[in-house]
Amino acid sequence: MDNNCPELMALVMGSEGDKKALNWLRANSYSKLALIAEGADNDNTAIEELLKMDEKEWAMISLKIRAVKNSIQEDNEDWHKQSRW
């Protein structure tokens, strides 16, 4: 992760279930971003933890990332929506 914002790449990777990225976030004091990534990866416990921390906005962002990610995945898996060319 050799760029100016490695935490953002780790957030994206973590939202796809990359445990190494989640561990990196926690090891580098980005535990809140780790929770956001876990929530985006369908972990309801992470969303609940964000809400307990009174981080409603971050919980909502995590849920939005989840919705977009899951919608893309559903579209890719639905053969009715795939091109026939």
N, C-alpha and C. Protein backbone atom coordinates (compact mmCIF):
# COMPACT_ATOMS: atom_id res chain seq x y z
N MET A 1 0.84 -1.18 0.00
CA MET A 1 0.00 0.00 0.00
C MET A 1 0.88 1.25 0.00
N ASP A 2 1.46 1.54 -1.13
CA ASP A 2 2.39 2.66 -1.25
C ASP A 2 1.73 3.86 -1.91
N ASN A 3 0.74 4.43 -1.24
CA ASN A 3 0.14 5.66 -1.76
C ASN A 3 -0.13 6.61 -0.60
N ASN A 4 -0.73 7.71 -0.88
CA ASN A 4 -0.95 8.72 0.15
C ASN A 4 -2.12 8.41 1.07
N CYS A 5 -2.99 7.50 0.70
CA CYS A 5 -4.16 7.16 1.51
C CYS A 5 -4.34 5.65 1.60
N PRO A 6 -3.41 4.94 2.21
CA PRO A 6 -3.54 3.48 2.26
C PRO A 6 -4.74 3.02 3.06
N GLU A 7 -5.21 3.86 3.98
CA GLU A 7 -6.37 3.48 4.79
C GLU A 7 -7.63 3.36 3.94
N LEU A 8 -7.72 4.13 2.86
CA LEU A 8 -8.90 4.03 1.99
C LEU A 8 -8.89 2.73 1.20
N MET A 9 -7.71 2.32 0.73
CA MET A 9 -7.62 1.04 0.03
C MET A 9 -7.90 -0.10 1.00
N ALA A 10 -7.42 0.02 2.23
CA ALA A 10 -7.69 -1.02 3.23
C ALA A 10 -9.18 -1.07 3.56
N LEU A 11 -9.85 0.08 3.56
CA LEU A 11 -11.30 0.11 3.78
C LEU A 11 -12.02 -0.65 2.67
N VAL A 12 -11.63 -0.39 1.43
CA VAL A 12 -12.25 -1.08 0.29
C VAL A 12 -11.97 -2.58 0.36
N MET A 13 -10.73 -2.94 0.59
CA MET A 13 -10.36 -4.35 0.67
C MET A 13 -11.06 -5.04 1.84
N GLY A 14 -11.13 -4.35 2.97
CA GLY A 14 -11.80 -4.90 4.14
C GLY A 14 -13.29 -5.10 3.92
N SER A 15 -13.90 -4.22 3.14
CA SER A 15 -15.34 -4.37 2.86
C SER A 15 -15.61 -5.56 1.96
N GLU A 16 -14.55 -6.09 1.35
CA GLU A 16 -14.66 -7.31 0.54
C GLU A 16 -14.22 -8.53 1.33
N GLY A 17 -13.99 -8.37 2.63
CA GLY A 17 -13.68 -9.50 3.48
C GLY A 17 -12.20 -9.81 3.65
N ASP A 18 -11.33 -8.91 3.24
CA ASP A 18 -9.89 -9.13 3.36
C ASP A 18 -9.45 -8.93 4.81
N LYS A 19 -9.17 -10.03 5.50
CA LYS A 19 -8.79 -9.98 6.92
C LYS A 19 -7.46 -9.25 7.13
N LYS A 20 -6.55 -9.38 6.18
CA LYS A 20 -5.26 -8.69 6.28
C LYS A 20 -5.47 -7.18 6.30
N ALA A 21 -6.37 -6.70 5.46
CA ALA A 21 -6.67 -5.26 5.42
C ALA A 21 -7.31 -4.80 6.73
N LEU A 22 -8.22 -5.61 7.26
CA LEU A 22 -8.86 -5.26 8.53
C LEU A 22 -7.83 -5.22 9.67
N ASN A 23 -6.93 -6.19 9.68
CA ASN A 23 -5.87 -6.20 10.70
C ASN A 23 -4.97 -4.98 10.55
N TRP A 24 -4.66 -4.61 9.31
CA TRP A 24 -3.83 -3.43 9.06
C TRP A 24 -4.51 -2.18 9.59
N LEU A 25 -5.81 -2.04 9.33
CA LEU A 25 -6.54 -0.87 9.82
C LEU A 25 -6.45 -0.79 11.34
N ARG A 26 -6.68 -1.90 12.01
CA ARG A 26 -6.64 -1.89 13.47
C ARG A 26 -5.23 -1.62 14.00
N ALA A 27 -4.24 -2.19 13.36
CA ALA A 27 -2.85 -2.01 13.80
C ALA A 27 -2.36 -0.58 13.60
N ASN A 28 -3.00 0.16 12.71
CA ASN A 28 -2.60 1.53 12.41
C ASN A 28 -3.59 2.56 12.93
N SER A 29 -4.31 2.19 13.97
CA SER A 29 -5.24 3.11 14.67
C SER A 29 -6.41 3.57 13.82
N TYR A 30 -6.88 2.69 12.94
CA TYR A 30 -8.08 2.98 12.15
C TYR A 30 -9.18 1.97 12.49
N SER A 31 -9.40 1.76 13.78
CA SER A 31 -10.37 0.74 14.19
C SER A 31 -11.79 1.11 13.76
N LYS A 32 -12.09 2.39 13.69
CA LYS A 32 -13.42 2.80 13.24
C LYS A 32 -13.62 2.45 11.76
N LEU A 33 -12.58 2.66 10.95
CA LEU A 33 -12.67 2.28 9.54
C LEU A 33 -12.79 0.77 9.40
N ALA A 34 -12.16 0.03 10.29
CA ALA A 34 -12.29 -1.44 10.26
C ALA A 34 -13.74 -1.83 10.52
N LEU A 35 -14.39 -1.17 11.47
CA LEU A 35 -15.80 -1.45 11.75
C LEU A 35 -16.68 -1.09 10.55
N ILE A 36 -16.38 0.03 9.91
CA ILE A 36 -17.14 0.44 8.73
C ILE A 36 -17.00 -0.61 7.63
N ALA A 37 -15.78 -1.09 7.42
CA ALA A 37 -15.54 -2.11 6.40
C ALA A 37 -16.27 -3.40 6.74
N GLU A 38 -16.22 -3.82 8.00
CA GLU A 38 -16.91 -5.04 8.40
C GLU A 38 -18.42 -4.90 8.23
N GLY A 39 -18.95 -3.73 8.56
CA GLY A 39 -20.38 -3.49 8.36
C GLY A 39 -20.76 -3.56 6.89
N ALA A 40 -19.89 -3.02 6.04
CA ALA A 40 -20.13 -3.08 4.60
C ALA A 40 -20.06 -4.51 4.07
N ASP A 41 -19.35 -5.36 4.80
CA ASP A 41 -19.22 -6.77 4.41
C ASP A 41 -20.27 -7.63 5.12
N ASN A 42 -21.41 -7.03 5.41
CA ASN A 42 -22.59 -7.72 5.96
C ASN A 42 -22.43 -8.19 7.41
N ASP A 43 -21.58 -7.53 8.17
CA ASP A 43 -21.41 -7.85 9.59
C ASP A 43 -22.27 -6.90 10.42
N ASN A 44 -23.42 -7.39 10.86
CA ASN A 44 -24.34 -6.55 11.63
C ASN A 44 -23.79 -6.18 12.99
N THR A 45 -22.92 -7.01 13.54
CA THR A 45 -22.30 -6.70 14.83
C THR A 45 -21.47 -5.42 14.74
N ALA A 46 -20.79 -5.23 13.63
CA ALA A 46 -19.99 -4.02 13.43
C ALA A 46 -20.89 -2.79 13.37
N ILE A 47 -22.03 -2.91 12.71
CA ILE A 47 -22.99 -1.80 12.65
C ILE A 47 -23.48 -1.47 14.05
N GLU A 48 -23.83 -2.50 14.81
CA GLU A 48 -24.30 -2.30 16.18
C GLU A 48 -23.23 -1.62 17.03
N GLU A 49 -21.98 -2.01 16.84
CA GLU A 49 -20.87 -1.40 17.59
C GLU A 49 -20.72 0.08 17.23
N LEU A 50 -20.84 0.42 15.95
CA LEU A 50 -20.78 1.83 15.55
C LEU A 50 -21.92 2.62 16.18
N LEU A 51 -23.10 2.03 16.23
CA LEU A 51 -24.24 2.72 16.83
C LEU A 51 -24.04 2.90 18.33
N LYS A 52 -23.46 1.91 19.00
CA LYS A 52 -23.17 2.02 20.43
C LYS A 52 -22.16 3.14 20.69
N MET A 53 -21.27 3.37 19.74
CA MET A 53 -20.27 4.43 19.86
C MET A 53 -20.85 5.79 19.47
N ASP A 54 -22.15 5.83 19.19
CA ASP A 54 -22.86 7.03 18.74
C ASP A 54 -22.28 7.57 17.44
N GLU A 55 -21.94 6.65 16.56
CA GLU A 55 -21.40 6.98 15.23
C GLU A 55 -22.45 6.64 14.17
N LYS A 56 -23.62 7.27 14.27
CA LYS A 56 -24.74 6.96 13.38
C LYS A 56 -24.41 7.24 11.92
N GLU A 57 -23.70 8.34 11.68
CA GLU A 57 -23.36 8.70 10.30
C GLU A 57 -22.47 7.64 9.66
N TRP A 58 -21.48 7.17 10.43
CA TRP A 58 -20.58 6.14 9.90
C TRP A 58 -21.30 4.82 9.72
N ALA A 59 -22.24 4.52 10.60
CA ALA A 59 -23.04 3.30 10.44
C ALA A 59 -23.86 3.38 9.15
N MET A 60 -24.43 4.55 8.88
CA MET A 60 -25.23 4.73 7.66
C MET A 60 -24.35 4.64 6.41
N ILE A 61 -23.16 5.21 6.47
CA ILE A 61 -22.24 5.11 5.33
C ILE A 61 -21.87 3.65 5.09
N SER A 62 -21.61 2.92 6.16
CA SER A 62 -21.29 1.50 6.04
C SER A 62 -22.45 0.73 5.40
N LEU A 63 -23.67 1.05 5.81
CA LEU A 63 -24.85 0.38 5.23
C LEU A 63 -25.03 0.75 3.77
N LYS A 64 -24.72 1.98 3.40
CA LYS A 64 -24.81 2.39 1.99
C LYS A 64 -23.78 1.64 1.14
N ILE A 65 -22.56 1.53 1.65
CA ILE A 65 -21.53 0.77 0.93
C ILE A 65 -22.00 -0.66 0.76
N ARG A 66 -22.57 -1.23 1.82
CA ARG A 66 -23.09 -2.60 1.78
C ARG A 66 -24.16 -2.74 0.70
N ALA A 67 -25.10 -1.79 0.65
CA ALA A 67 -26.20 -1.86 -0.32
C ALA A 67 -25.67 -1.81 -1.75
N VAL A 68 -24.75 -0.90 -2.01
CA VAL A 68 -24.18 -0.78 -3.36
C VAL A 68 -23.40 -2.05 -3.72
N LYS A 69 -22.58 -2.50 -2.80
CA LYS A 69 -21.75 -3.70 -3.04
C LYS A 69 -22.63 -4.92 -3.29
N ASN A 70 -23.66 -5.11 -2.48
CA ASN A 70 -24.55 -6.26 -2.65
C ASN A 70 -25.37 -6.16 -3.93
N SER A 71 -25.77 -4.94 -4.30
CA SER A 71 -26.52 -4.76 -5.54
C SER A 71 -25.67 -5.12 -6.75
N ILE A 72 -24.42 -4.68 -6.75
CA ILE A 72 -23.51 -5.02 -7.85
C ILE A 72 -23.32 -6.53 -7.92
N GLN A 73 -23.14 -7.16 -6.77
CA GLN A 73 -22.94 -8.61 -6.75
C GLN A 73 -24.18 -9.34 -7.27
N GLU A 74 -25.37 -8.90 -6.85
CA GLU A 74 -26.60 -9.53 -7.32
C GLU A 74 -26.75 -9.37 -8.83
N ASP A 75 -26.44 -8.17 -9.34
CA ASP A 75 -26.53 -7.94 -10.78
C ASP A 75 -25.56 -8.84 -11.55
N ASN A 76 -24.38 -9.03 -11.01
CA ASN A 76 -23.39 -9.89 -11.68
C ASN A 76 -23.78 -11.35 -11.65
N GLU A 77 -24.54 -11.76 -10.65
CA GLU A 77 -24.93 -13.16 -10.53
C GLU A 77 -26.25 -13.48 -11.23
N ASP A 78 -27.01 -12.46 -11.63
CA ASP A 78 -28.30 -12.67 -12.29
C ASP A 78 -28.09 -12.81 -13.79
N TRP A 79 -28.26 -14.02 -14.30
CA TRP A 79 -27.98 -14.25 -15.72
C TRP A 79 -28.96 -13.51 -16.62
N HIS A 80 -30.11 -13.09 -16.10
CA HIS A 80 -31.06 -12.30 -16.90
C HIS A 80 -30.49 -10.92 -17.26
N LYS A 81 -29.60 -10.43 -16.42
CA LYS A 81 -29.04 -9.10 -16.63
C LYS A 81 -27.71 -9.12 -17.37
N GLN A 82 -27.21 -10.30 -17.67
CA GLN A 82 -25.93 -10.40 -18.35
C GLN A 82 -26.11 -10.28 -19.85
N SER A 83 -25.15 -9.66 -20.48
CA SER A 83 -25.18 -9.49 -21.92
C SER A 83 -25.06 -10.84 -22.62
N ARG A 84 -25.75 -10.97 -23.72
CA ARG A 84 -25.70 -12.22 -24.49
C ARG A 84 -24.72 -12.12 -25.65
N TRP A 85 -23.99 -11.07 -25.76
CA TRP A 85 -23.07 -10.87 -26.89
C TRP A 85 -21.77 -11.49 -26.62
